[in-house]
Amino acid sequence: GGLELGRINVAARGVGLANAALQASLRYSTERQTMGKPIGQHQAIQ
């Protein structure tokens, strides 16, 4: 019974960590350039 709340907490941690990785990647994709344009404009990164 106690682990139910614990699993929700761990899942919420996963959301936070996944979003942190996403936001860091979004920022970097506008800063880093290759072939004359930000990497975020390359379809592979998109």
PDB file of all heavy atoms in Angstrom:
ATOM      1  N   GLY A   1       0.810  -1.211   0.000  1.00  0.00           N
ATOM      2  CA  GLY A   1       0.000   0.000   0.000  1.00  0.00           C
ATOM      3  C   GLY A   1       0.840   1.256   0.000  1.00  0.00           C
ATOM      4  O   GLY A   1       0.507   2.246  -0.669  1.00  0.00           O
ATOM      5  N   GLY A   2       1.951   1.250   0.720  1.00  0.00           N
ATOM      6  CA  GLY A   2       2.831   2.403   0.754  1.00  0.00           C
ATOM      7  C   GLY A   2       3.557   2.628  -0.554  1.00  0.00           C
ATOM      8  O   GLY A   2       3.858   3.762  -0.930  1.00  0.00           O
ATOM      9  N   LEU A   3       3.805   1.538  -1.276  1.00  0.00           N
ATOM     10  CA  LEU A   3       4.553   1.651  -2.524  1.00  0.00           C
ATOM     11  C   LEU A   3       3.742   2.307  -3.637  1.00  0.00           C
ATOM     12  O   LEU A   3       4.309   2.778  -4.619  1.00  0.00           O
ATOM     13  CB  LEU A   3       5.033   0.265  -2.974  1.00  0.00           C
ATOM     14  CG  LEU A   3       6.166  -0.343  -2.133  1.00  0.00           C
ATOM     15  CD1 LEU A   3       6.460  -1.763  -2.578  1.00  0.00           C
ATOM     16  CD2 LEU A   3       7.426   0.505  -2.207  1.00  0.00           C
ATOM     17  N   GLU A   4       2.402   2.339  -3.505  1.00  0.00           N
ATOM     18  CA  GLU A   4       1.606   3.014  -4.527  1.00  0.00           C
ATOM     19  C   GLU A   4       2.001   4.492  -4.622  1.00  0.00           C
ATOM     20  O   GLU A   4       2.245   5.015  -5.707  1.00  0.00           O
ATOM     21  CB  GLU A   4       0.115   2.876  -4.216  1.00  0.00           C
ATOM     22  CG  GLU A   4      -0.424   1.474  -4.433  1.00  0.00           C
ATOM     23  CD  GLU A   4      -1.900   1.376  -4.103  1.00  0.00           C
ATOM     24  OE1 GLU A   4      -2.451   2.335  -3.520  1.00  0.00           O
ATOM     25  OE2 GLU A   4      -2.513   0.343  -4.431  1.00  0.00           O
ATOM     26  N   LEU A   5       2.047   5.175  -3.473  1.00  0.00           N
ATOM     27  CA  LEU A   5       2.455   6.579  -3.478  1.00  0.00           C
ATOM     28  C   LEU A   5       3.904   6.711  -3.922  1.00  0.00           C
ATOM     29  O   LEU A   5       4.264   7.643  -4.652  1.00  0.00           O
ATOM     30  CB  LEU A   5       2.280   7.196  -2.088  1.00  0.00           C
ATOM     31  CG  LEU A   5       2.642   8.679  -1.961  1.00  0.00           C
ATOM     32  CD1 LEU A   5       1.736   9.534  -2.847  1.00  0.00           C
ATOM     33  CD2 LEU A   5       2.541   9.138  -0.508  1.00  0.00           C
ATOM     34  N   GLY A   6       4.744   5.765  -3.518  1.00  0.00           N
ATOM     35  CA  GLY A   6       6.141   5.796  -3.919  1.00  0.00           C
ATOM     36  C   GLY A   6       6.318   5.676  -5.416  1.00  0.00           C
ATOM     37  O   GLY A   6       7.153   6.350  -6.020  1.00  0.00           O
ATOM     38  N   ARG A   7       5.506   4.820  -6.049  1.00  0.00           N
ATOM     39  CA  ARG A   7       5.622   4.654  -7.501  1.00  0.00           C
ATOM     40  C   ARG A   7       5.158   5.906  -8.233  1.00  0.00           C
ATOM     41  O   ARG A   7       5.710   6.269  -9.276  1.00  0.00           O
ATOM     42  CB  ARG A   7       4.808   3.439  -7.944  1.00  0.00           C
ATOM     43  CG  ARG A   7       5.417   2.119  -7.497  1.00  0.00           C
ATOM     44  CD  ARG A   7       4.724   0.921  -8.122  1.00  0.00           C
ATOM     45  NE  ARG A   7       5.363  -0.322  -7.687  1.00  0.00           N
ATOM     46  CZ  ARG A   7       4.830  -1.193  -6.839  1.00  0.00           C
ATOM     47  NH1 ARG A   7       3.629  -0.966  -6.345  1.00  0.00           N
ATOM     48  NH2 ARG A   7       5.475  -2.284  -6.487  1.00  0.00           N
ATOM     49  N   ILE A   8       4.127   6.569  -7.705  1.00  0.00           N
ATOM     50  CA  ILE A   8       3.693   7.830  -8.306  1.00  0.00           C
ATOM     51  C   ILE A   8       4.798   8.865  -8.194  1.00  0.00           C
ATOM     52  O   ILE A   8       5.068   9.627  -9.130  1.00  0.00           O
ATOM     53  CB  ILE A   8       2.393   8.321  -7.648  1.00  0.00           C
ATOM     54  CG1 ILE A   8       1.238   7.375  -7.995  1.00  0.00           C
ATOM     55  CG2 ILE A   8       2.056   9.748  -8.086  1.00  0.00           C
ATOM     56  CD1 ILE A   8      -0.040   7.645  -7.225  1.00  0.00           C
ATOM     57  N   ASN A   9       5.476   8.899  -7.050  1.00  0.00           N
ATOM     58  CA  ASN A   9       6.595   9.818  -6.863  1.00  0.00           C
ATOM     59  C   ASN A   9       7.706   9.524  -7.872  1.00  0.00           C
ATOM     60  O   ASN A   9       8.233  10.445  -8.513  1.00  0.00           O
ATOM     61  CB  ASN A   9       7.132   9.700  -5.430  1.00  0.00           C
ATOM     62  CG  ASN A   9       8.400  10.495  -5.197  1.00  0.00           C
ATOM     63  OD1 ASN A   9       9.463  10.172  -5.722  1.00  0.00           O
ATOM     64  ND2 ASN A   9       8.300  11.526  -4.384  1.00  0.00           N
ATOM     65  N   VAL A  10       8.062   8.256  -8.021  1.00  0.00           N
ATOM     66  CA  VAL A  10       9.137   7.897  -8.950  1.00  0.00           C
ATOM     67  C   VAL A  10       8.747   8.246 -10.379  1.00  0.00           C
ATOM     68  O   VAL A  10       9.557   8.739 -11.171  1.00  0.00           O
ATOM     69  CB  VAL A  10       9.493   6.406  -8.814  1.00  0.00           C
ATOM     70  CG1 VAL A  10      10.481   5.988  -9.897  1.00  0.00           C
ATOM     71  CG2 VAL A  10      10.088   6.128  -7.433  1.00  0.00           C
ATOM     72  N   ALA A  11       7.481   7.994 -10.729  1.00  0.00           N
ATOM     73  CA  ALA A  11       7.013   8.361 -12.067  1.00  0.00           C
ATOM     74  C   ALA A  11       7.096   9.867 -12.275  1.00  0.00           C
ATOM     75  O   ALA A  11       7.497  10.335 -13.348  1.00  0.00           O
ATOM     76  CB  ALA A  11       5.575   7.878 -12.264  1.00  0.00           C
ATOM     77  N   ALA A  12       6.727  10.640 -11.253  1.00  0.00           N
ATOM     78  CA  ALA A  12       6.806  12.100 -11.349  1.00  0.00           C
ATOM     79  C   ALA A  12       8.254  12.552 -11.496  1.00  0.00           C
ATOM     80  O   ALA A  12       8.541  13.516 -12.214  1.00  0.00           O
ATOM     81  CB  ALA A  12       6.178  12.743 -10.112  1.00  0.00           C
ATOM     82  N   ARG A  13       9.167  11.867 -10.840  1.00  0.00           N
ATOM     83  CA  ARG A  13      10.589  12.163 -11.043  1.00  0.00           C
ATOM     84  C   ARG A  13      10.977  11.932 -12.497  1.00  0.00           C
ATOM     85  O   ARG A  13      11.739  12.702 -13.085  1.00  0.00           O
ATOM     86  CB  ARG A  13      11.453  11.257 -10.160  1.00  0.00           C
ATOM     87  CG  ARG A  13      11.396  11.532  -8.686  1.00  0.00           C
ATOM     88  CD  ARG A  13      12.510  10.771  -8.002  1.00  0.00           C
ATOM     89  NE  ARG A  13      12.045  10.040  -6.838  1.00  0.00           N
ATOM     90  CZ  ARG A  13      12.816   9.271  -6.084  1.00  0.00           C
ATOM     91  NH1 ARG A  13      14.092   9.134  -6.387  1.00  0.00           N
ATOM     92  NH2 ARG A  13      12.334   8.642  -5.033  1.00  0.00           N
ATOM     93  N   GLY A  14      10.464  10.834 -13.066  1.00  0.00           N
ATOM     94  CA  GLY A  14      10.758  10.538 -14.461  1.00  0.00           C
ATOM     95  C   GLY A  14      10.281  11.643 -15.386  1.00  0.00           C
ATOM     96  O   GLY A  14      10.983  12.021 -16.328  1.00  0.00           O
ATOM     97  N   VAL A  15       9.087  12.185 -15.113  1.00  0.00           N
ATOM     98  CA  VAL A  15       8.568  13.294 -15.911  1.00  0.00           C
ATOM     99  C   VAL A  15       9.510  14.490 -15.826  1.00  0.00           C
ATOM    100  O   VAL A  15       9.859  15.111 -16.838  1.00  0.00           O
ATOM    101  CB  VAL A  15       7.152  13.693 -15.455  1.00  0.00           C
ATOM    102  CG1 VAL A  15       6.694  14.963 -16.169  1.00  0.00           C
ATOM    103  CG2 VAL A  15       6.164  12.567 -15.712  1.00  0.00           C
ATOM    104  N   GLY A  16       9.921  14.827 -14.607  1.00  0.00           N
ATOM    105  CA  GLY A  16      10.804  15.973 -14.423  1.00  0.00           C
ATOM    106  C   GLY A  16      12.137  15.794 -15.130  1.00  0.00           C
ATOM    107  O   GLY A  16      12.632  16.715 -15.800  1.00  0.00           O
ATOM    108  N   LEU A  17      12.714  14.608 -14.995  1.00  0.00           N
ATOM    109  CA  LEU A  17      14.010  14.347 -15.610  1.00  0.00           C
ATOM    110  C   LEU A  17      13.899  14.312 -17.138  1.00  0.00           C
ATOM    111  O   LEU A  17      14.751  14.857 -17.848  1.00  0.00           O
ATOM    112  CB  LEU A  17      14.567  13.022 -15.083  1.00  0.00           C
ATOM    113  CG  LEU A  17      15.997  12.663 -15.471  1.00  0.00           C
ATOM    114  CD1 LEU A  17      16.967  13.764 -15.074  1.00  0.00           C
ATOM    115  CD2 LEU A  17      16.399  11.348 -14.806  1.00  0.00           C
ATOM    116  N   ALA A  18      12.837  13.690 -17.646  1.00  0.00           N
ATOM    117  CA  ALA A  18      12.636  13.650 -19.101  1.00  0.00           C
ATOM    118  C   ALA A  18      12.458  15.046 -19.663  1.00  0.00           C
ATOM    119  O   ALA A  18      12.978  15.371 -20.740  1.00  0.00           O
ATOM    120  CB  ALA A  18      11.414  12.782 -19.428  1.00  0.00           C
ATOM    121  N   ASN A  19      11.729  15.885 -18.934  1.00  0.00           N
ATOM    122  CA  ASN A  19      11.517  17.258 -19.410  1.00  0.00           C
ATOM    123  C   ASN A  19      12.801  18.080 -19.322  1.00  0.00           C
ATOM    124  O   ASN A  19      13.056  18.934 -20.177  1.00  0.00           O
ATOM    125  CB  ASN A  19      10.408  17.930 -18.615  1.00  0.00           C
ATOM    126  CG  ASN A  19       9.884  19.167 -19.317  1.00  0.00           C
ATOM    127  OD1 ASN A  19       9.619  19.152 -20.506  1.00  0.00           O
ATOM    128  ND2 ASN A  19       9.749  20.269 -18.580  1.00  0.00           N
ATOM    129  N   ALA A  20      13.604  17.835 -18.285  1.00  0.00           N
ATOM    130  CA  ALA A  20      14.885  18.538 -18.186  1.00  0.00           C
ATOM    131  C   ALA A  20      15.762  18.225 -19.388  1.00  0.00           C
ATOM    132  O   ALA A  20      16.401  19.115 -19.969  1.00  0.00           O
ATOM    133  CB  ALA A  20      15.597  18.144 -16.891  1.00  0.00           C
ATOM    134  N   ALA A  21      15.805  16.957 -19.771  1.00  0.00           N
ATOM    135  CA  ALA A  21      16.599  16.560 -20.941  1.00  0.00           C
ATOM    136  C   ALA A  21      16.049  17.194 -22.212  1.00  0.00           C
ATOM    137  O   ALA A  21      16.809  17.638 -23.088  1.00  0.00           O
ATOM    138  CB  ALA A  21      16.610  15.037 -21.060  1.00  0.00           C
ATOM    139  N   LEU A  22      14.723  17.253 -22.323  1.00  0.00           N
ATOM    140  CA  LEU A  22      14.103  17.873 -23.487  1.00  0.00           C
ATOM    141  C   LEU A  22      14.422  19.360 -23.559  1.00  0.00           C
ATOM    142  O   LEU A  22      14.827  19.875 -24.616  1.00  0.00           O
ATOM    143  CB  LEU A  22      12.586  17.674 -23.440  1.00  0.00           C
ATOM    144  CG  LEU A  22      11.749  18.484 -24.442  1.00  0.00           C
ATOM    145  CD1 LEU A  22      12.105  18.111 -25.871  1.00  0.00           C
ATOM    146  CD2 LEU A  22      10.263  18.289 -24.163  1.00  0.00           C
ATOM    147  N   GLN A  23      14.233  20.075 -22.441  1.00  0.00           N
ATOM    148  CA  GLN A  23      14.448  21.522 -22.454  1.00  0.00           C
ATOM    149  C   GLN A  23      15.908  21.868 -22.730  1.00  0.00           C
ATOM    150  O   GLN A  23      16.208  22.828 -23.457  1.00  0.00           O
ATOM    151  CB  GLN A  23      14.009  22.126 -21.112  1.00  0.00           C
ATOM    152  CG  GLN A  23      12.525  21.959 -20.820  1.00  0.00           C
ATOM    153  CD  GLN A  23      11.629  22.520 -21.917  1.00  0.00           C
ATOM    154  OE1 GLN A  23      11.918  23.573 -22.490  1.00  0.00           O
ATOM    155  NE2 GLN A  23      10.552  21.814 -22.224  1.00  0.00           N
ATOM    156  N   ALA A  24      16.840  21.094 -22.167  1.00  0.00           N
ATOM    157  CA  ALA A  24      18.256  21.323 -22.453  1.00  0.00           C
ATOM    158  C   ALA A  24      18.546  21.120 -23.935  1.00  0.00           C
ATOM    159  O   ALA A  24      19.306  21.882 -24.557  1.00  0.00           O
ATOM    160  CB  ALA A  24      19.116  20.388 -21.603  1.00  0.00           C
ATOM    161  N   SER A  25      17.929  20.110 -24.523  1.00  0.00           N
ATOM    162  CA  SER A  25      18.156  19.816 -25.948  1.00  0.00           C
ATOM    163  C   SER A  25      17.529  20.878 -26.838  1.00  0.00           C
ATOM    164  O   SER A  25      18.105  21.253 -27.870  1.00  0.00           O
ATOM    165  CB  SER A  25      17.580  18.436 -26.279  1.00  0.00           C
ATOM    166  OG  SER A  25      18.233  17.434 -25.517  1.00  0.00           O
ATOM    167  N   LEU A  26      16.362  21.369 -26.461  1.00  0.00           N
ATOM    168  CA  LEU A  26      15.733  22.443 -27.230  1.00  0.00           C
ATOM    169  C   LEU A  26      16.619  23.695 -27.241  1.00  0.00           C
ATOM    170  O   LEU A  26      16.817  24.327 -28.288  1.00  0.00           O
ATOM    171  CB  LEU A  26      14.358  22.775 -26.642  1.00  0.00           C
ATOM    172  CG  LEU A  26      13.238  21.772 -26.935  1.00  0.00           C
ATOM    173  CD1 LEU A  26      12.022  22.091 -26.078  1.00  0.00           C
ATOM    174  CD2 LEU A  26      12.876  21.789 -28.415  1.00  0.00           C
ATOM    175  N   ARG A  27      17.138  24.049 -26.062  1.00  0.00           N
ATOM    176  CA  ARG A  27      18.009  25.236 -25.988  1.00  0.00           C
ATOM    177  C   ARG A  27      19.255  25.051 -26.844  1.00  0.00           C
ATOM    178  O   ARG A  27      19.630  25.948 -27.609  1.00  0.00           O
ATOM    179  CB  ARG A  27      18.396  25.512 -24.527  1.00  0.00           C
ATOM    180  CG  ARG A  27      17.271  26.075 -23.668  1.00  0.00           C
ATOM    181  CD  ARG A  27      17.811  26.565 -22.339  1.00  0.00           C
ATOM    182  NE  ARG A  27      18.399  25.476 -21.561  1.00  0.00           N
ATOM    183  CZ  ARG A  27      17.713  24.721 -20.703  1.00  0.00           C
ATOM    184  NH1 ARG A  27      16.414  24.914 -20.527  1.00  0.00           N
ATOM    185  NH2 ARG A  27      18.311  23.766 -20.020  1.00  0.00           N
ATOM    186  N   TYR A  28      19.900  23.896 -26.690  1.00  0.00           N
ATOM    187  CA  TYR A  28      21.156  23.664 -27.404  1.00  0.00           C
ATOM    188  C   TYR A  28      20.932  23.619 -28.919  1.00  0.00           C
ATOM    189  O   TYR A  28      21.787  24.068 -29.695  1.00  0.00           O
ATOM    190  CB  TYR A  28      21.777  22.350 -26.930  1.00  0.00           C
ATOM    191  CG  TYR A  28      23.163  22.100 -27.482  1.00  0.00           C
ATOM    192  CD1 TYR A  28      24.252  22.841 -27.039  1.00  0.00           C
ATOM    193  CD2 TYR A  28      23.371  21.126 -28.451  1.00  0.00           C
ATOM    194  CE1 TYR A  28      25.521  22.615 -27.548  1.00  0.00           C
ATOM    195  CE2 TYR A  28      24.626  20.881 -28.965  1.00  0.00           C
ATOM    196  CZ  TYR A  28      25.704  21.641 -28.512  1.00  0.00           C
ATOM    197  OH  TYR A  28      26.953  21.416 -29.017  1.00  0.00           O
ATOM    198  N   SER A  29      19.773  23.114 -29.329  1.00  0.00           N
ATOM    199  CA  SER A  29      19.518  22.988 -30.770  1.00  0.00           C
ATOM    200  C   SER A  29      19.353  24.338 -31.453  1.00  0.00           C
ATOM    201  O   SER A  29      19.438  24.428 -32.684  1.00  0.00           O
ATOM    202  CB  SER A  29      18.273  22.137 -31.011  1.00  0.00           C
ATOM    203  OG  SER A  29      17.099  22.824 -30.590  1.00  0.00           O
ATOM    204  N   THR A  30      19.114  25.393 -30.680  1.00  0.00           N
ATOM    205  CA  THR A  30      19.050  26.745 -31.268  1.00  0.00           C
ATOM    206  C   THR A  30      20.405  27.439 -31.232  1.00  0.00           C
ATOM    207  O   THR A  30      20.591  28.458 -31.898  1.00  0.00           O
ATOM    208  CB  THR A  30      18.027  27.610 -30.511  1.00  0.00           C
ATOM    209  OG1 THR A  30      18.476  27.834 -29.168  1.00  0.00           O
ATOM    210  CG2 THR A  30      16.654  26.957 -30.481  1.00  0.00           C
ATOM    211  N   GLU A  31      21.347  26.904 -30.452  1.00  0.00           N
ATOM    212  CA  GLU A  31      22.651  27.545 -30.282  1.00  0.00           C
ATOM    213  C   GLU A  31      23.728  26.912 -31.170  1.00  0.00           C
ATOM    214  O   GLU A  31      24.532  27.619 -31.783  1.00  0.00           O
ATOM    215  CB  GLU A  31      23.082  27.450 -28.815  1.00  0.00           C
ATOM    216  CG  GLU A  31      22.124  28.140 -27.836  1.00  0.00           C
ATOM    217  CD  GLU A  31      22.387  27.740 -26.405  1.00  0.00           C
ATOM    218  OE1 GLU A  31      23.273  26.879 -26.177  1.00  0.00           O
ATOM    219  OE2 GLU A  31      21.688  28.253 -25.507  1.00  0.00           O
ATOM    220  N   ARG A  32      23.755  25.606 -31.201  1.00  0.00           N
ATOM    221  CA  ARG A  32      24.776  24.876 -31.944  1.00  0.00           C
ATOM    222  C   ARG A  32      24.460  24.907 -33.436  1.00  0.00           C
ATOM    223  O   ARG A  32      23.333  24.611 -33.855  1.00  0.00           O
ATOM    224  CB  ARG A  32      24.837  23.434 -31.447  1.00  0.00           C
ATOM    225  CG  ARG A  32      25.730  22.512 -32.236  1.00  0.00           C
ATOM    226  CD  ARG A  32      27.188  22.880 -32.123  1.00  0.00           C
ATOM    227  NE  ARG A  32      28.035  21.835 -32.667  1.00  0.00           N
ATOM    228  CZ  ARG A  32      29.319  22.000 -32.956  1.00  0.00           C
ATOM    229  NH1 ARG A  32      29.898  23.172 -32.753  1.00  0.00           N
ATOM    230  NH2 ARG A  32      30.022  20.988 -33.431  1.00  0.00           N
ATOM    231  N   GLN A  33      25.451  25.256 -34.254  1.00  0.00           N
ATOM    232  CA  GLN A  33      25.246  25.342 -35.695  1.00  0.00           C
ATOM    233  C   GLN A  33      26.134  24.339 -36.436  1.00  0.00           C
ATOM    234  O   GLN A  33      27.292  24.113 -36.061  1.00  0.00           O
ATOM    235  CB  GLN A  33      25.536  26.750 -36.211  1.00  0.00           C
ATOM    236  CG  GLN A  33      24.563  27.796 -35.692  1.00  0.00           C
ATOM    237  CD  GLN A  33      24.557  29.061 -36.530  1.00  0.00           C
ATOM    238  OE1 GLN A  33      25.198  29.149 -37.571  1.00  0.00           O
ATOM    239  NE2 GLN A  33      23.804  30.056 -36.072  1.00  0.00           N
ATOM    240  N   THR A  34      25.566  23.746 -37.457  1.00  0.00           N
ATOM    241  CA  THR A  34      26.330  22.931 -38.403  1.00  0.00           C
ATOM    242  C   THR A  34      25.803  23.214 -39.804  1.00  0.00           C
ATOM    243  O   THR A  34      24.602  23.472 -39.988  1.00  0.00           O
ATOM    244  CB  THR A  34      26.179  21.417 -38.118  1.00  0.00           C
ATOM    245  OG1 THR A  34      24.813  21.036 -38.263  1.00  0.00           O
ATOM    246  CG2 THR A  34      26.674  21.063 -36.732  1.00  0.00           C
ATOM    247  N   MET A  35      26.707  23.231 -40.746  1.00  0.00           N
ATOM    248  CA  MET A  35      26.331  23.456 -42.148  1.00  0.00           C
ATOM    249  C   MET A  35      25.558  24.757 -42.321  1.00  0.00           C
ATOM    250  O   MET A  35      24.609  24.862 -43.102  1.00  0.00           O
ATOM    251  CB  MET A  35      25.511  22.277 -42.685  1.00  0.00           C
ATOM    252  CG  MET A  35      26.242  20.940 -42.564  1.00  0.00           C
ATOM    253  SD  MET A  35      25.246  19.529 -43.082  1.00  0.00           S
ATOM    254  CE  MET A  35      26.294  18.177 -42.540  1.00  0.00           C
ATOM    255  N   GLY A  36      25.947  25.764 -41.523  1.00  0.00           N
ATOM    256  CA  GLY A  36      25.417  27.096 -41.718  1.00  0.00           C
ATOM    257  C   GLY A  36      24.078  27.385 -41.074  1.00  0.00           C
ATOM    258  O   GLY A  36      23.491  28.447 -41.327  1.00  0.00           O
ATOM    259  N   LYS A  37      23.591  26.478 -40.236  1.00  0.00           N
ATOM    260  CA  LYS A  37      22.311  26.753 -39.569  1.00  0.00           C
ATOM    261  C   LYS A  37      22.235  25.992 -38.246  1.00  0.00           C
ATOM    262  O   LYS A  37      22.965  25.008 -38.046  1.00  0.00           O
ATOM    263  CB  LYS A  37      21.142  26.366 -40.463  1.00  0.00           C
ATOM    264  CG  LYS A  37      21.102  24.913 -40.894  1.00  0.00           C
ATOM    265  CD  LYS A  37      19.927  24.676 -41.849  1.00  0.00           C
ATOM    266  CE  LYS A  37      19.900  23.238 -42.345  1.00  0.00           C
ATOM    267  NZ  LYS A  37      18.760  23.008 -43.288  1.00  0.00           N
ATOM    268  N   PRO A  38      21.369  26.443 -37.315  1.00  0.00           N
ATOM    269  CA  PRO A  38      21.220  25.743 -36.039  1.00  0.00           C
ATOM    270  C   PRO A  38      20.832  24.282 -36.259  1.00  0.00           C
ATOM    271  O   PRO A  38      20.059  23.967 -37.185  1.00  0.00           O
ATOM    272  CB  PRO A  38      20.095  26.510 -35.335  1.00  0.00           C
ATOM    273  CG  PRO A  38      20.100  27.859 -35.960  1.00  0.00           C
ATOM    274  CD  PRO A  38      20.495  27.637 -37.399  1.00  0.00           C
ATOM    275  N   ILE A  39      21.343  23.401 -35.426  1.00  0.00           N
ATOM    276  CA  ILE A  39      21.067  21.972 -35.625  1.00  0.00           C
ATOM    277  C   ILE A  39      19.576  21.667 -35.478  1.00  0.00           C
ATOM    278  O   ILE A  39      19.089  20.666 -36.009  1.00  0.00           O
ATOM    279  CB  ILE A  39      21.888  21.094 -34.661  1.00  0.00           C
ATOM    280  CG1 ILE A  39      21.529  21.389 -33.195  1.00  0.00           C
ATOM    281  CG2 ILE A  39      23.380  21.265 -34.916  1.00  0.00           C
ATOM    282  CD1 ILE A  39      22.170  20.414 -32.222  1.00  0.00           C
ATOM    283  N   GLY A  40      18.842  22.523 -34.783  1.00  0.00           N
ATOM    284  CA  GLY A  40      17.415  22.327 -34.643  1.00  0.00           C
ATOM    285  C   GLY A  40      16.651  22.481 -35.935  1.00  0.00           C
ATOM    286  O   GLY A  40      15.460  22.128 -36.006  1.00  0.00           O
ATOM    287  N   GLN A  41      17.310  22.990 -36.963  1.00  0.00           N
ATOM    288  CA  GLN A  41      16.669  23.114 -38.274  1.00  0.00           C
ATOM    289  C   GLN A  41      16.932  21.898 -39.164  1.00  0.00           C
ATOM    290  O   GLN A  41      16.418  21.824 -40.278  1.00  0.00           O
ATOM    291  CB  GLN A  41      17.134  24.395 -38.966  1.00  0.00           C
ATOM    292  CG  GLN A  41      16.663  25.662 -38.270  1.00  0.00           C
ATOM    293  CD  GLN A  41      17.072  26.927 -38.998  1.00  0.00           C
ATOM    294  OE1 GLN A  41      17.399  26.898 -40.182  1.00  0.00           O
ATOM    295  NE2 GLN A  41      17.060  28.049 -38.290  1.00  0.00           N
ATOM    296  N   HIS A  42      17.739  20.963 -38.647  1.00  0.00           N
ATOM    297  CA  HIS A  42      17.951  19.713 -39.378  1.00  0.00           C
ATOM    298  C   HIS A  42      16.865  18.717 -38.982  1.00  0.00           C
ATOM    299  O   HIS A  42      16.549  18.544 -37.804  1.00  0.00           O
ATOM    300  CB  HIS A  42      19.326  19.123 -39.052  1.00  0.00           C
ATOM    301  CG  HIS A  42      20.473  19.966 -39.526  1.00  0.00           C
ATOM    302  ND1 HIS A  42      20.729  20.208 -40.860  1.00  0.00           N
ATOM    303  CD2 HIS A  42      21.433  20.636 -38.834  1.00  0.00           C
ATOM    304  CE1 HIS A  42      21.801  20.981 -40.984  1.00  0.00           C
ATOM    305  NE2 HIS A  42      22.245  21.256 -39.762  1.00  0.00           N
ATOM    306  N   GLN A  43      16.302  18.045 -39.948  1.00  0.00           N
ATOM    307  CA  GLN A  43      15.182  17.156 -39.673  1.00  0.00           C
ATOM    308  C   GLN A  43      15.551  16.025 -38.712  1.00  0.00           C
ATOM    309  O   GLN A  43      14.738  15.600 -37.886  1.00  0.00           O
ATOM    310  CB  GLN A  43      14.630  16.568 -40.975  1.00  0.00           C
ATOM    311  CG  GLN A  43      13.322  15.810 -40.778  1.00  0.00           C
ATOM    312  CD  GLN A  43      12.749  15.299 -42.083  1.00  0.00           C
ATOM    313  OE1 GLN A  43      13.483  14.763 -42.911  1.00  0.00           O
ATOM    314  NE2 GLN A  43      11.457  15.469 -42.282  1.00  0.00           N
ATOM    315  N   ALA A  44      16.783  15.544 -38.797  1.00  0.00           N
ATOM    316  CA  ALA A  44      17.198  14.456 -37.914  1.00  0.00           C
ATOM    317  C   ALA A  44      17.077  14.860 -36.442  1.00  0.00           C
ATOM    318  O   ALA A  44      16.646  14.060 -35.600  1.00  0.00           O
ATOM    319  CB  ALA A  44      18.636  14.045 -38.232  1.00  0.00           C
ATOM    320  N   ILE A  45      17.446  16.098 -36.136  1.00  0.00           N
ATOM    321  CA  ILE A  45      17.330  16.599 -34.767  1.00  0.00           C
ATOM    322  C   ILE A  45      15.871  16.888 -34.424  1.00  0.00           C
ATOM    323  O   ILE A  45      15.404  16.620 -33.303  1.00  0.00           O
ATOM    324  CB  ILE A  45      18.192  17.860 -34.578  1.00  0.00           C
ATOM    325  CG1 ILE A  45      19.654  17.553 -34.881  1.00  0.00           C
ATOM    326  CG2 ILE A  45      18.045  18.401 -33.165  1.00  0.00           C
ATOM    327  CD1 ILE A  45      20.260  16.479 -33.996  1.00  0.00           C
ATOM    328  N   GLN A  46      15.120  17.421 -35.365  1.00  0.00           N
ATOM    329  CA  GLN A  46      13.708  17.716 -35.126  1.00  0.00           C
ATOM    330  C   GLN A  46      12.932  16.456 -34.756  1.00  0.00           C
ATOM    331  O   GLN A  46      12.062  16.483 -33.879  1.00  0.00           O
ATOM    332  CB  GLN A  46      13.095  18.378 -36.369  1.00  0.00           C
ATOM    333  CG  GLN A  46      13.630  19.775 -36.648  1.00  0.00           C
ATOM    334  CD  GLN A  46      13.131  20.322 -37.981  1.00  0.00           C
ATOM    335  OE1 GLN A  46      12.543  19.594 -38.783  1.00  0.00           O
ATOM    336  NE2 GLN A  46      13.382  21.604 -38.217  1.00  0.00           N
TER     337      GLN A  46
END
